[in-house]
Amino acid sequence: MPTQVGSPAPAFKAQAYFSQDDSFKQVGLEDYKGKWLCFWFFPMAFSSVCPTEVVGFDRACDEFKKRGCELLACSCDSYLVHKAWCQSNAELAALKYPLLSDMTKRITMDYGLLLPEKGLALRGTFLIDPDAVIRHTSVNDLPIGRSVDEVLRLLGAIQSGQPCPCNWQKGQAGCT
């Protein structure tokens, strides 16, 4: 069954690179049990759009954490490619969140984002609640970067627990 809002998030476990302390560690969905998770996929390291998103999420990492939400990025690159990419780009050298390696492409397939003919993930974003249920999903085409501000807006809307009107912003009243 494809991933969809309201369904359990597919479980995963894979090697991740933590650039802040230059380490590798197995990371799985169960590590985020009881927490909100913004799990997002990017096509590949060393491209033109991907580093802008990685840096954009990193700059907003403290805001996500303030809202009780962890960040986890994933691509089909190896964890060694993630390390080389972070070491080659000063803006990626001390990311506050891990880069998950999906070399088998299993996670990318399970989340419905694999472009098999290219061996890449589409730019998918999943907001997963503390019970590991998908509460939001969006997918961008390869050349289109996402808006971190919009992901934060959606997280706030979901966490408000109320219906929220078009263009709702955190701090505004929702519909009742």
N, C-alpha and C. Protein backbone atom coordinates (compact mmCIF):
# COMPACT_ATOMS: atom_id res chain seq x y z
N MET A 1 0.85 -1.19 0.00
CA MET A 1 0.00 0.00 0.00
C MET A 1 0.89 1.24 0.00
N PRO A 2 0.57 2.21 -0.84
CA PRO A 2 1.40 3.43 -0.87
C PRO A 2 1.24 4.23 0.41
N THR A 3 2.27 5.01 0.71
CA THR A 3 2.19 5.86 1.89
C THR A 3 1.15 6.93 1.65
N GLN A 4 0.36 7.19 2.65
CA GLN A 4 -0.62 8.26 2.55
C GLN A 4 -0.90 8.82 3.93
N VAL A 5 -1.44 10.00 3.94
CA VAL A 5 -1.78 10.66 5.19
C VAL A 5 -2.74 9.77 5.98
N GLY A 6 -2.45 9.61 7.26
CA GLY A 6 -3.27 8.80 8.14
C GLY A 6 -2.80 7.37 8.26
N SER A 7 -1.84 6.98 7.43
CA SER A 7 -1.33 5.60 7.50
C SER A 7 -0.05 5.55 8.32
N PRO A 8 0.28 4.37 8.85
CA PRO A 8 1.55 4.24 9.57
C PRO A 8 2.73 4.51 8.64
N ALA A 9 3.71 5.19 9.16
CA ALA A 9 4.93 5.45 8.38
C ALA A 9 5.68 4.13 8.23
N PRO A 10 6.18 3.83 7.03
CA PRO A 10 6.96 2.61 6.85
C PRO A 10 8.21 2.62 7.73
N ALA A 11 8.44 1.51 8.41
CA ALA A 11 9.64 1.39 9.26
C ALA A 11 10.88 1.35 8.37
N PHE A 12 11.99 1.79 8.93
CA PHE A 12 13.27 1.75 8.21
C PHE A 12 14.39 1.71 9.23
N LYS A 13 15.54 1.30 8.76
CA LYS A 13 16.77 1.35 9.55
C LYS A 13 17.90 1.36 8.53
N ALA A 14 18.80 2.34 8.66
CA ALA A 14 19.92 2.46 7.72
C ALA A 14 21.03 3.28 8.37
N GLN A 15 22.16 3.29 7.71
CA GLN A 15 23.32 4.05 8.18
C GLN A 15 23.12 5.54 7.90
N ALA A 16 23.45 6.36 8.87
CA ALA A 16 23.33 7.82 8.71
C ALA A 16 24.67 8.47 9.02
N TYR A 17 24.89 9.60 8.38
CA TYR A 17 26.09 10.39 8.64
C TYR A 17 25.70 11.62 9.44
N PHE A 18 26.45 11.86 10.52
CA PHE A 18 26.26 13.03 11.38
C PHE A 18 27.47 13.93 11.17
N SER A 19 27.30 15.00 10.42
CA SER A 19 28.45 15.85 10.09
C SER A 19 28.95 16.65 11.28
N GLN A 20 28.06 16.96 12.23
CA GLN A 20 28.45 17.77 13.38
C GLN A 20 29.60 17.13 14.16
N ASP A 21 29.57 15.80 14.28
CA ASP A 21 30.67 15.13 14.98
C ASP A 21 31.38 14.09 14.10
N ASP A 22 31.15 14.16 12.78
CA ASP A 22 31.83 13.30 11.81
C ASP A 22 31.72 11.83 12.20
N SER A 23 30.46 11.37 12.41
CA SER A 23 30.26 9.99 12.83
C SER A 23 29.17 9.32 11.99
N PHE A 24 29.14 8.00 12.07
CA PHE A 24 28.12 7.19 11.41
C PHE A 24 27.35 6.43 12.49
N LYS A 25 26.04 6.24 12.25
CA LYS A 25 25.23 5.50 13.21
C LYS A 25 24.02 4.94 12.49
N GLN A 26 23.57 3.76 12.91
CA GLN A 26 22.31 3.22 12.41
C GLN A 26 21.16 4.06 12.96
N VAL A 27 20.26 4.44 12.08
CA VAL A 27 19.11 5.25 12.47
C VAL A 27 17.86 4.57 11.92
N GLY A 28 16.83 4.49 12.75
CA GLY A 28 15.57 3.89 12.32
C GLY A 28 14.39 4.71 12.79
N LEU A 29 13.24 4.42 12.21
CA LEU A 29 12.02 5.12 12.60
C LEU A 29 11.77 4.99 14.09
N GLU A 30 12.09 3.83 14.67
CA GLU A 30 11.84 3.62 16.10
C GLU A 30 12.64 4.58 16.98
N ASP A 31 13.73 5.15 16.45
CA ASP A 31 14.51 6.12 17.21
C ASP A 31 13.73 7.42 17.45
N TYR A 32 12.66 7.62 16.70
CA TYR A 32 11.87 8.85 16.80
C TYR A 32 10.52 8.61 17.47
N LYS A 33 10.34 7.43 18.04
CA LYS A 33 9.09 7.11 18.73
C LYS A 33 8.83 8.15 19.82
N GLY A 34 7.62 8.66 19.84
CA GLY A 34 7.25 9.67 20.83
C GLY A 34 7.62 11.08 20.44
N LYS A 35 8.19 11.26 19.24
CA LYS A 35 8.59 12.59 18.76
C LYS A 35 7.96 12.84 17.39
N TRP A 36 7.83 14.09 17.07
CA TRP A 36 7.48 14.47 15.70
C TRP A 36 8.72 14.31 14.85
N LEU A 37 8.53 13.95 13.59
CA LEU A 37 9.65 13.79 12.66
C LEU A 37 9.30 14.41 11.32
N CYS A 38 10.18 15.27 10.85
CA CYS A 38 10.13 15.75 9.47
C CYS A 38 11.16 14.91 8.71
N PHE A 39 10.67 13.95 7.96
CA PHE A 39 11.51 13.01 7.20
C PHE A 39 11.41 13.42 5.75
N TRP A 40 12.54 13.86 5.21
CA TRP A 40 12.49 14.38 3.84
C TRP A 40 13.59 13.76 2.99
N PHE A 41 13.27 13.61 1.71
CA PHE A 41 14.14 12.95 0.74
C PHE A 41 14.66 13.96 -0.27
N PHE A 42 15.92 13.79 -0.65
CA PHE A 42 16.50 14.61 -1.71
C PHE A 42 17.14 13.68 -2.75
N PRO A 43 17.22 14.12 -4.01
CA PRO A 43 17.70 13.24 -5.07
C PRO A 43 19.16 12.80 -4.93
N MET A 44 20.08 13.76 -4.76
CA MET A 44 21.48 13.34 -4.68
C MET A 44 22.37 14.48 -4.20
N ALA A 45 23.45 14.06 -3.56
CA ALA A 45 24.47 15.01 -3.13
C ALA A 45 25.18 15.57 -4.37
N PHE A 46 25.90 16.64 -4.16
CA PHE A 46 26.70 17.28 -5.20
C PHE A 46 25.86 17.76 -6.39
N SER A 47 24.61 18.12 -6.13
CA SER A 47 23.75 18.69 -7.18
C SER A 47 23.54 20.17 -6.87
N SER A 48 22.78 20.85 -7.70
CA SER A 48 22.64 22.30 -7.50
C SER A 48 21.54 22.68 -6.50
N VAL A 49 20.43 21.96 -6.47
CA VAL A 49 19.31 22.33 -5.61
C VAL A 49 19.43 21.70 -4.22
N CYS A 50 19.90 20.46 -4.14
CA CYS A 50 19.92 19.73 -2.87
C CYS A 50 20.65 20.45 -1.74
N PRO A 51 21.84 21.03 -1.99
CA PRO A 51 22.49 21.70 -0.85
C PRO A 51 21.69 22.90 -0.33
N THR A 52 20.92 23.55 -1.20
CA THR A 52 20.12 24.68 -0.73
C THR A 52 19.05 24.20 0.25
N GLU A 53 18.49 23.03 0.00
CA GLU A 53 17.49 22.48 0.91
C GLU A 53 18.12 21.99 2.21
N VAL A 54 19.25 21.30 2.10
CA VAL A 54 19.93 20.79 3.30
C VAL A 54 20.30 21.96 4.22
N VAL A 55 20.83 23.02 3.63
CA VAL A 55 21.19 24.21 4.42
C VAL A 55 19.93 24.91 4.95
N GLY A 56 18.90 24.99 4.13
CA GLY A 56 17.65 25.62 4.57
C GLY A 56 17.05 24.92 5.78
N PHE A 57 17.00 23.59 5.74
CA PHE A 57 16.49 22.85 6.90
C PHE A 57 17.42 23.02 8.10
N ASP A 58 18.73 23.04 7.85
CA ASP A 58 19.67 23.21 8.96
C ASP A 58 19.46 24.55 9.65
N ARG A 59 19.25 25.60 8.88
CA ARG A 59 19.03 26.92 9.47
C ARG A 59 17.76 26.97 10.29
N ALA A 60 16.78 26.14 9.94
CA ALA A 60 15.50 26.11 10.67
C ALA A 60 15.46 25.01 11.72
N CYS A 61 16.54 24.28 11.89
CA CYS A 61 16.56 23.12 12.79
C CYS A 61 16.14 23.50 14.21
N ASP A 62 16.63 24.62 14.72
CA ASP A 62 16.27 25.02 16.09
C ASP A 62 14.77 25.29 16.21
N GLU A 63 14.16 25.85 15.17
CA GLU A 63 12.72 26.10 15.19
C GLU A 63 11.95 24.78 15.18
N PHE A 64 12.40 23.81 14.38
CA PHE A 64 11.76 22.50 14.39
C PHE A 64 11.87 21.88 15.78
N LYS A 65 13.05 21.93 16.37
CA LYS A 65 13.26 21.34 17.70
C LYS A 65 12.39 22.03 18.75
N LYS A 66 12.25 23.36 18.63
CA LYS A 66 11.40 24.11 19.56
C LYS A 66 9.96 23.61 19.49
N ARG A 67 9.58 23.10 18.32
CA ARG A 67 8.22 22.58 18.14
C ARG A 67 8.15 21.07 18.39
N GLY A 68 9.24 20.51 18.93
CA GLY A 68 9.26 19.09 19.26
C GLY A 68 9.42 18.18 18.07
N CYS A 69 10.01 18.69 17.00
CA CYS A 69 10.14 17.93 15.76
C CYS A 69 11.61 17.74 15.38
N GLU A 70 11.98 16.50 15.14
CA GLU A 70 13.32 16.18 14.68
C GLU A 70 13.36 16.21 13.16
N LEU A 71 14.55 16.42 12.61
CA LEU A 71 14.76 16.41 11.16
C LEU A 71 15.60 15.20 10.78
N LEU A 72 15.25 14.59 9.65
CA LEU A 72 16.04 13.50 9.08
C LEU A 72 15.92 13.58 7.57
N ALA A 73 17.06 13.73 6.90
CA ALA A 73 17.10 13.78 5.45
C ALA A 73 17.60 12.45 4.91
N CYS A 74 17.15 12.08 3.71
CA CYS A 74 17.49 10.78 3.14
C CYS A 74 17.71 10.91 1.64
N SER A 75 18.73 10.22 1.15
CA SER A 75 18.93 10.06 -0.29
C SER A 75 19.47 8.67 -0.56
N CYS A 76 19.52 8.31 -1.82
CA CYS A 76 20.05 7.00 -2.22
C CYS A 76 21.58 6.99 -2.30
N ASP A 77 22.21 8.11 -1.95
CA ASP A 77 23.67 8.16 -1.91
C ASP A 77 24.18 7.31 -0.75
N SER A 78 25.44 6.88 -0.84
CA SER A 78 26.03 6.14 0.27
C SER A 78 26.36 7.09 1.41
N TYR A 79 26.52 6.54 2.60
CA TYR A 79 26.90 7.36 3.75
C TYR A 79 28.28 7.97 3.55
N LEU A 80 29.14 7.32 2.77
CA LEU A 80 30.47 7.88 2.48
C LEU A 80 30.36 9.08 1.54
N VAL A 81 29.42 9.03 0.61
CA VAL A 81 29.17 10.19 -0.25
C VAL A 81 28.64 11.35 0.59
N HIS A 82 27.74 11.05 1.53
CA HIS A 82 27.25 12.11 2.42
C HIS A 82 28.40 12.76 3.18
N LYS A 83 29.31 11.94 3.67
CA LYS A 83 30.47 12.47 4.40
C LYS A 83 31.33 13.35 3.49
N ALA A 84 31.65 12.86 2.30
CA ALA A 84 32.49 13.62 1.37
C ALA A 84 31.80 14.93 0.98
N TRP A 85 30.50 14.88 0.78
CA TRP A 85 29.73 16.08 0.41
C TRP A 85 29.79 17.11 1.53
N CYS A 86 29.56 16.67 2.75
CA CYS A 86 29.60 17.59 3.89
C CYS A 86 31.00 18.17 4.09
N GLN A 87 32.02 17.36 3.90
CA GLN A 87 33.39 17.83 4.08
C GLN A 87 33.84 18.77 2.96
N SER A 88 33.16 18.70 1.81
CA SER A 88 33.56 19.54 0.68
C SER A 88 32.82 20.88 0.64
N ASN A 89 31.83 21.06 1.52
CA ASN A 89 31.00 22.25 1.48
C ASN A 89 30.90 22.82 2.91
N ALA A 90 31.46 23.99 3.12
CA ALA A 90 31.51 24.58 4.46
C ALA A 90 30.12 24.72 5.09
N GLU A 91 29.09 24.98 4.29
CA GLU A 91 27.74 25.13 4.84
C GLU A 91 27.15 23.80 5.34
N LEU A 92 27.73 22.68 4.90
CA LEU A 92 27.23 21.37 5.31
C LEU A 92 28.10 20.73 6.39
N ALA A 93 29.16 21.41 6.78
CA ALA A 93 30.18 20.81 7.65
C ALA A 93 29.70 20.48 9.05
N ALA A 94 28.69 21.15 9.55
CA ALA A 94 28.24 20.90 10.92
C ALA A 94 26.71 20.88 11.00
N LEU A 95 26.09 20.07 10.14
CA LEU A 95 24.63 19.97 10.15
C LEU A 95 24.13 19.51 11.51
N LYS A 96 22.96 20.02 11.90
CA LYS A 96 22.38 19.69 13.21
C LYS A 96 21.49 18.45 13.15
N TYR A 97 21.44 17.80 12.01
CA TYR A 97 20.61 16.61 11.84
C TYR A 97 21.33 15.64 10.91
N PRO A 98 20.97 14.35 10.95
CA PRO A 98 21.67 13.35 10.14
C PRO A 98 21.17 13.26 8.70
N LEU A 99 22.06 12.72 7.85
CA LEU A 99 21.73 12.38 6.47
C LEU A 99 21.70 10.86 6.38
N LEU A 100 20.53 10.31 6.09
CA LEU A 100 20.34 8.87 6.03
C LEU A 100 20.69 8.34 4.64
N SER A 101 21.40 7.24 4.60
CA SER A 101 21.81 6.63 3.34
C SER A 101 20.88 5.47 2.99
N ASP A 102 20.24 5.55 1.84
CA ASP A 102 19.35 4.50 1.37
C ASP A 102 19.95 3.85 0.12
N MET A 103 21.11 3.26 0.27
CA MET A 103 21.80 2.66 -0.88
C MET A 103 20.99 1.54 -1.52
N THR A 104 20.19 0.83 -0.75
CA THR A 104 19.39 -0.27 -1.32
C THR A 104 18.14 0.26 -2.02
N LYS A 105 17.81 1.51 -1.77
CA LYS A 105 16.62 2.18 -2.32
C LYS A 105 15.31 1.63 -1.74
N ARG A 106 15.41 0.78 -0.73
CA ARG A 106 14.23 0.18 -0.11
C ARG A 106 13.36 1.24 0.58
N ILE A 107 13.99 2.14 1.33
CA ILE A 107 13.24 3.17 2.05
C ILE A 107 12.55 4.09 1.05
N THR A 108 13.29 4.49 0.04
CA THR A 108 12.74 5.37 -1.00
C THR A 108 11.55 4.70 -1.70
N MET A 109 11.66 3.41 -1.96
CA MET A 109 10.54 2.67 -2.57
C MET A 109 9.36 2.61 -1.61
N ASP A 110 9.64 2.29 -0.33
CA ASP A 110 8.56 2.16 0.65
C ASP A 110 7.79 3.46 0.83
N TYR A 111 8.46 4.58 0.64
CA TYR A 111 7.81 5.88 0.77
C TYR A 111 7.26 6.39 -0.56
N GLY A 112 7.36 5.58 -1.61
CA GLY A 112 6.74 5.90 -2.91
C GLY A 112 7.45 6.98 -3.70
N LEU A 113 8.75 7.14 -3.49
CA LEU A 113 9.47 8.25 -4.12
C LEU A 113 10.53 7.84 -5.14
N LEU A 114 10.74 6.55 -5.34
CA LEU A 114 11.82 6.12 -6.22
C LEU A 114 11.48 6.32 -7.69
N LEU A 115 12.41 6.94 -8.40
CA LEU A 115 12.36 7.00 -9.87
C LEU A 115 13.32 5.90 -10.35
N PRO A 116 12.80 4.69 -10.63
CA PRO A 116 13.67 3.56 -10.90
C PRO A 116 14.60 3.76 -12.09
N GLU A 117 14.12 4.45 -13.11
CA GLU A 117 14.95 4.64 -14.31
C GLU A 117 16.14 5.55 -14.04
N LYS A 118 16.08 6.35 -12.98
CA LYS A 118 17.18 7.25 -12.62
C LYS A 118 17.89 6.81 -11.34
N GLY A 119 17.27 5.93 -10.57
CA GLY A 119 17.86 5.49 -9.30
C GLY A 119 17.89 6.59 -8.25
N LEU A 120 16.96 7.53 -8.36
CA LEU A 120 16.91 8.70 -7.47
C LEU A 120 15.57 8.79 -6.77
N ALA A 121 15.57 9.54 -5.68
CA ALA A 121 14.34 9.85 -4.96
C ALA A 121 13.80 11.18 -5.44
N LEU A 122 12.48 11.27 -5.55
CA LEU A 122 11.84 12.57 -5.73
C LEU A 122 12.00 13.35 -4.42
N ARG A 123 11.74 14.64 -4.46
CA ARG A 123 11.84 15.49 -3.27
C ARG A 123 10.57 15.34 -2.43
N GLY A 124 10.54 14.32 -1.61
CA GLY A 124 9.37 14.05 -0.78
C GLY A 124 9.58 14.55 0.64
N THR A 125 8.49 15.03 1.23
CA THR A 125 8.51 15.51 2.62
C THR A 125 7.38 14.83 3.37
N PHE A 126 7.70 14.26 4.53
CA PHE A 126 6.72 13.58 5.36
C PHE A 126 6.78 14.14 6.77
N LEU A 127 5.64 14.57 7.29
CA LEU A 127 5.54 14.94 8.69
C LEU A 127 4.88 13.77 9.40
N ILE A 128 5.63 13.20 10.34
CA ILE A 128 5.22 11.98 11.03
C ILE A 128 5.01 12.31 12.51
N ASP A 129 3.86 11.92 13.03
CA ASP A 129 3.54 12.28 14.42
C ASP A 129 4.23 11.34 15.42
N PRO A 130 4.12 11.62 16.71
CA PRO A 130 4.79 10.80 17.73
C PRO A 130 4.36 9.34 17.76
N ASP A 131 3.22 9.02 17.14
CA ASP A 131 2.75 7.63 17.06
C ASP A 131 3.15 6.98 15.74
N ALA A 132 4.05 7.62 15.00
CA ALA A 132 4.56 7.11 13.71
C ALA A 132 3.47 7.04 12.63
N VAL A 133 2.54 7.98 12.68
CA VAL A 133 1.50 8.10 11.66
C VAL A 133 1.84 9.29 10.77
N ILE A 134 1.72 9.09 9.47
CA ILE A 134 1.99 10.18 8.51
C ILE A 134 0.85 11.18 8.59
N ARG A 135 1.21 12.42 8.87
CA ARG A 135 0.20 13.49 8.99
C ARG A 135 0.22 14.44 7.80
N HIS A 136 1.33 14.45 7.05
CA HIS A 136 1.44 15.29 5.85
C HIS A 136 2.46 14.64 4.92
N THR A 137 2.18 14.77 3.63
CA THR A 137 3.15 14.35 2.63
C THR A 137 3.06 15.31 1.45
N SER A 138 4.20 15.63 0.89
CA SER A 138 4.24 16.41 -0.35
C SER A 138 5.43 15.93 -1.16
N VAL A 139 5.31 16.06 -2.48
CA VAL A 139 6.36 15.60 -3.38
C VAL A 139 6.59 16.66 -4.46
N ASN A 140 7.86 17.02 -4.62
CA ASN A 140 8.25 17.96 -5.67
C ASN A 140 9.00 17.22 -6.76
N ASP A 141 8.90 17.73 -7.96
CA ASP A 141 9.69 17.22 -9.09
C ASP A 141 11.17 17.50 -8.82
N LEU A 142 12.05 16.79 -9.50
CA LEU A 142 13.48 16.89 -9.24
C LEU A 142 14.04 18.32 -9.24
N PRO A 143 13.70 19.17 -10.19
CA PRO A 143 14.35 20.49 -10.20
C PRO A 143 13.74 21.53 -9.26
N ILE A 144 12.70 21.17 -8.51
CA ILE A 144 11.98 22.16 -7.70
C ILE A 144 12.26 21.95 -6.22
N GLY A 145 12.96 22.91 -5.62
CA GLY A 145 13.22 22.86 -4.18
C GLY A 145 11.98 23.19 -3.39
N ARG A 146 11.94 22.66 -2.17
CA ARG A 146 10.76 22.90 -1.32
C ARG A 146 10.98 24.14 -0.45
N SER A 147 9.90 24.60 0.18
CA SER A 147 9.94 25.74 1.08
C SER A 147 9.97 25.24 2.52
N VAL A 148 11.06 25.49 3.21
CA VAL A 148 11.16 25.10 4.62
C VAL A 148 10.12 25.86 5.44
N ASP A 149 9.88 27.11 5.10
CA ASP A 149 8.86 27.89 5.83
C ASP A 149 7.48 27.22 5.70
N GLU A 150 7.17 26.68 4.52
CA GLU A 150 5.88 26.01 4.33
C GLU A 150 5.82 24.73 5.16
N VAL A 151 6.91 23.99 5.24
CA VAL A 151 6.92 22.78 6.06
C VAL A 151 6.68 23.16 7.53
N LEU A 152 7.31 24.22 8.00
CA LEU A 152 7.07 24.69 9.37
C LEU A 152 5.62 25.14 9.56
N ARG A 153 5.07 25.81 8.58
CA ARG A 153 3.67 26.25 8.66
C ARG A 153 2.75 25.04 8.79
N LEU A 154 2.99 24.03 7.96
CA LEU A 154 2.17 22.82 8.00
C LEU A 154 2.32 22.08 9.33
N LEU A 155 3.53 22.00 9.84
CA LEU A 155 3.75 21.37 11.14
C LEU A 155 2.94 22.10 12.22
N GLY A 156 2.99 23.43 12.21
CA GLY A 156 2.21 24.21 13.18
C GLY A 156 0.72 23.97 13.04
N ALA A 157 0.25 23.89 11.81
CA ALA A 157 -1.18 23.64 11.57
C ALA A 157 -1.59 22.28 12.12
N ILE A 158 -0.78 21.26 11.83
CA ILE A 158 -1.09 19.92 12.32
C ILE A 158 -1.05 19.88 13.85
N GLN A 159 -0.02 20.47 14.42
CA GLN A 159 0.12 20.45 15.88
C GLN A 159 -0.94 21.28 16.59
N SER A 160 -1.58 22.21 15.89
CA SER A 160 -2.63 23.02 16.52
C SER A 160 -3.83 22.17 16.90
N GLY A 161 -4.04 21.07 16.18
CA GLY A 161 -5.18 20.20 16.48
C GLY A 161 -6.51 20.75 16.03
N GLN A 162 -6.49 21.83 15.26
CA GLN A 162 -7.73 22.46 14.79
C GLN A 162 -7.73 22.54 13.27
N PRO A 163 -8.92 22.65 12.69
CA PRO A 163 -8.97 22.95 11.26
C PRO A 163 -8.32 24.32 11.02
N CYS A 164 -7.55 24.44 9.98
CA CYS A 164 -6.84 25.69 9.72
C CYS A 164 -7.16 26.20 8.32
N PRO A 165 -7.51 27.46 8.19
CA PRO A 165 -7.89 28.00 6.89
C PRO A 165 -6.70 28.19 5.96
N CYS A 166 -7.02 28.48 4.74
CA CYS A 166 -6.01 28.78 3.73
C CYS A 166 -5.06 29.87 4.23
N ASN A 167 -3.79 29.68 4.01
CA ASN A 167 -2.74 30.65 4.39
C ASN A 167 -2.62 30.87 5.90
N TRP A 168 -3.15 29.94 6.69
CA TRP A 168 -3.04 30.03 8.14
C TRP A 168 -1.57 30.12 8.53
N GLN A 169 -1.30 30.91 9.55
CA GLN A 169 0.06 31.05 10.10
C GLN A 169 0.02 30.77 11.59
N LYS A 170 1.11 30.24 12.12
CA LYS A 170 1.20 29.96 13.55
C LYS A 170 0.86 31.23 14.33
N GLY A 171 0.04 31.07 15.35
CA GLY A 171 -0.39 32.20 16.17
C GLY A 171 -1.76 32.72 15.80
N GLN A 172 -2.22 32.38 14.58
CA GLN A 172 -3.56 32.80 14.18
C GLN A 172 -4.57 31.75 14.66
N ALA A 173 -5.80 32.19 14.84
CA ALA A 173 -6.85 31.27 15.22
C ALA A 173 -7.19 30.37 14.03
N GLY A 174 -7.51 29.12 14.34
CA GLY A 174 -7.96 28.20 13.30
C GLY A 174 -9.47 28.29 13.15
N CYS A 175 -10.02 27.59 12.19
CA CYS A 175 -11.47 27.54 12.02
C CYS A 175 -12.08 26.66 13.11
N THR A 176 -13.23 26.98 13.52
CA THR A 176 -13.91 26.14 14.50
C THR A 176 -15.25 25.71 13.98
